[in-house]
Amino acid sequence: MPEIWKPAVTVASIIERNGLFFMIEEDTSDGRRINQPAGHLDPGESLIDAVVRETKEETAHDFTPTCLVGTYLSRYMSNRRGIPVTYLRFAFAGELGQKHDQPLDHGIVRTLWMSYDELVATKDRHRSELILKCIDDYLAGVRAPLSIIYTDSSVTQPL
């Protein structure tokens, strides 16, 4: 049987306050990069649970998603693995909550607030070309209610 192709499913949070966006700076195999709080969907969790978890792990803050901004498909050549990797990203906008006294996830150097102009000026340091696309969609008012996302109980319950 031929191998089944699977994209890597990721989630990202878009957090805006007073015209500034809450970002992370992280060490990657491609060097130090700027990204939205983001990460992979883990087995047994919903997309919403994943974005809440990833945001807390990478920023030490609670995150309450309020809407889905978009779904994005992209591909890039992984320097670390030497193969093309396709990502299916779900970007959520929401509210930043309480800060917790916990270390940031492995590789995360710091959190920072950046203006749109600063993000454009540092485009060459972005972890993904999707960062600006997600923020552009957010600024254009693209919003879908969280109710369009359904997670069957079979995902979160043991079989």
Protein backbone atom coordinates (compact mmCIF):
# COMPACT_ATOMS: atom_id res chain seq x y z
CA MET A 1 0.00 0.00 0.00
CA PRO A 2 1.45 3.43 -0.87
CA GLU A 3 2.34 5.80 1.94
CA ILE A 4 -0.50 8.18 2.85
CA TRP A 5 0.43 11.86 2.54
CA LYS A 6 -0.45 13.95 5.60
CA PRO A 7 0.06 17.67 6.14
CA ALA A 8 1.25 18.86 9.55
CA VAL A 9 -1.71 20.49 11.29
CA THR A 10 -0.82 23.63 13.22
CA VAL A 11 -2.64 26.33 15.15
CA ALA A 12 -1.70 29.97 15.66
CA SER A 13 -3.04 32.78 17.82
CA ILE A 14 -3.50 36.35 16.68
CA ILE A 15 -3.51 38.66 19.68
CA GLU A 16 -3.85 42.39 19.03
CA ARG A 17 -3.93 45.17 21.56
CA ASN A 18 -3.86 48.88 20.73
CA GLY A 19 -2.47 48.23 17.25
CA LEU A 20 0.29 45.92 18.48
CA PHE A 21 0.52 42.17 17.94
CA PHE A 22 1.73 39.71 20.59
CA MET A 23 4.52 37.68 19.02
CA ILE A 24 7.26 35.31 20.06
CA GLU A 25 10.91 35.15 19.17
CA GLU A 26 12.28 31.62 18.96
CA ASP A 27 15.40 29.70 18.09
CA THR A 28 14.78 27.34 15.16
CA SER A 29 16.87 25.16 12.85
CA ASP A 30 16.82 28.19 10.51
CA GLY A 31 18.10 30.57 13.22
CA ARG A 32 16.26 33.04 15.45
CA ARG A 33 12.78 33.74 14.06
CA ILE A 34 9.64 35.74 14.83
CA ASN A 35 6.34 33.91 14.95
CA GLN A 36 2.86 34.06 16.32
CA PRO A 37 2.31 31.80 19.29
CA ALA A 38 1.78 28.59 17.32
CA GLY A 39 2.36 24.89 17.29
CA HIS A 40 1.14 21.46 16.32
CA LEU A 41 -2.18 19.80 16.98
CA ASP A 42 -1.54 16.91 19.37
CA PRO A 43 -3.39 13.59 19.33
CA GLY A 44 -6.59 13.64 21.37
CA GLU A 45 -7.20 17.40 21.35
CA SER A 46 -9.46 19.77 19.49
CA LEU A 47 -8.14 22.69 17.43
CA ILE A 48 -9.37 25.11 20.08
CA ASP A 49 -7.71 23.14 22.89
CA ALA A 50 -4.49 23.11 20.83
CA VAL A 51 -4.34 26.88 20.30
CA VAL A 52 -5.06 27.52 23.99
CA ARG A 53 -2.33 25.05 25.03
CA GLU A 54 0.27 26.24 22.51
CA THR A 55 -0.27 29.90 23.41
CA LYS A 56 0.16 29.16 27.10
CA GLU A 57 3.27 27.02 26.51
CA GLU A 58 4.94 29.64 24.32
CA THR A 59 3.90 32.84 26.15
CA ALA A 60 2.98 31.77 29.72
CA HIS A 61 -0.39 33.50 29.18
CA ASP A 62 -3.92 32.19 29.01
CA PHE A 63 -5.61 32.65 25.64
CA THR A 64 -9.31 32.73 24.89
CA PRO A 65 -10.04 32.28 21.19
CA THR A 66 -13.00 34.32 19.97
CA CYS A 67 -13.05 33.48 16.25
CA LEU A 68 -11.32 31.63 13.45
CA VAL A 69 -9.54 34.05 11.12
CA GLY A 70 -8.67 31.46 8.51
CA THR A 71 -7.18 28.20 7.39
CA TYR A 72 -3.94 28.31 5.43
CA LEU A 73 -2.06 25.72 3.42
CA SER A 74 1.65 26.19 2.73
CA ARG A 75 4.74 24.16 1.93
CA TYR A 76 8.43 24.75 2.51
CA MET A 77 11.67 22.82 2.33
CA SER A 78 12.72 21.74 5.80
CA ASN A 79 16.42 22.44 6.30
CA ARG A 80 16.47 20.12 9.28
CA ARG A 81 14.76 17.17 7.59
CA GLY A 82 15.77 17.88 3.98
CA ILE A 83 12.26 17.26 2.65
CA PRO A 84 9.30 19.44 1.74
CA VAL A 85 6.77 19.84 4.56
CA THR A 86 3.17 20.94 4.03
CA TYR A 87 1.41 22.78 6.84
CA LEU A 88 -2.31 23.25 7.36
CA ARG A 89 -2.61 26.21 9.75
CA PHE A 90 -5.71 27.28 11.65
CA ALA A 91 -5.35 30.87 12.86
CA PHE A 92 -7.48 32.07 15.76
CA ALA A 93 -7.94 35.60 17.06
CA GLY A 94 -8.68 36.07 20.71
CA GLU A 95 -7.98 37.65 24.04
CA LEU A 96 -4.79 37.43 26.05
CA GLY A 97 -5.43 36.41 29.63
CA GLN A 98 -3.58 35.97 32.87
CA LYS A 99 0.20 35.57 32.88
CA HIS A 100 1.51 32.53 34.72
CA ASP A 101 4.81 32.00 36.48
CA GLN A 102 6.15 29.26 34.22
CA PRO A 103 9.05 28.85 31.83
CA LEU A 104 8.45 29.42 28.14
CA ASP A 105 8.46 26.39 25.84
CA HIS A 106 11.81 25.02 24.64
CA GLY A 107 13.34 27.34 22.05
CA ILE A 108 11.20 30.37 22.87
CA VAL A 109 13.49 33.30 23.65
CA ARG A 110 10.89 35.92 24.56
CA THR A 111 7.51 37.44 23.85
CA LEU A 112 7.17 40.87 22.32
CA TRP A 113 4.57 43.34 21.10
CA MET A 114 5.08 44.49 17.51
CA SER A 115 3.32 46.98 15.27
CA TYR A 116 2.25 45.99 11.78
CA ASP A 117 5.04 48.16 10.35
CA GLU A 118 7.60 46.38 12.54
CA LEU A 119 6.28 43.03 11.34
CA VAL A 120 6.61 44.09 7.71
CA ALA A 121 10.13 45.41 8.36
CA THR A 122 11.21 42.06 9.88
CA LYS A 123 9.56 39.85 7.25
CA ASP A 124 12.91 38.19 6.47
CA ARG A 125 13.00 36.91 10.07
CA HIS A 126 9.49 35.41 10.09
CA ARG A 127 9.26 31.69 10.77
CA SER A 128 6.48 31.42 8.20
CA GLU A 129 5.27 33.47 5.28
CA LEU A 130 1.80 32.93 6.71
CA ILE A 131 2.33 35.35 9.61
CA LEU A 132 1.56 38.46 7.58
CA LYS A 133 -1.21 36.73 5.61
CA CYS A 134 -2.98 35.81 8.86
CA ILE A 135 -2.58 39.34 10.24
CA ASP A 136 -3.68 40.92 6.95
CA ASP A 137 -6.83 38.78 7.03
CA TYR A 138 -7.41 39.74 10.65
CA LEU A 139 -6.99 43.45 9.86
CA ALA A 140 -9.37 43.06 6.90
CA GLY A 141 -12.02 41.85 9.35
CA VAL A 142 -12.08 38.19 8.32
CA ARG A 143 -13.83 36.31 11.11
CA ALA A 144 -15.68 33.02 11.37
CA PRO A 145 -17.49 31.92 14.52
CA LEU A 146 -15.91 29.15 16.54
CA SER A 147 -19.16 27.22 16.10
CA ILE A 148 -18.04 26.24 12.58
CA ILE A 149 -15.37 24.03 14.14
CA TYR A 150 -16.65 20.64 15.22
CA THR A 151 -14.66 18.04 17.12
CA ASP A 152 -16.32 14.66 17.41
CA SER A 153 -16.01 13.02 20.83
CA SER A 154 -14.11 10.15 19.18
CA VAL A 155 -11.11 12.49 18.97
CA THR A 156 -10.89 13.17 22.70
CA GLN A 157 -12.22 9.89 24.09
CA PRO A 158 -10.24 6.64 24.25
CA LEU A 159 -11.25 4.08 21.65
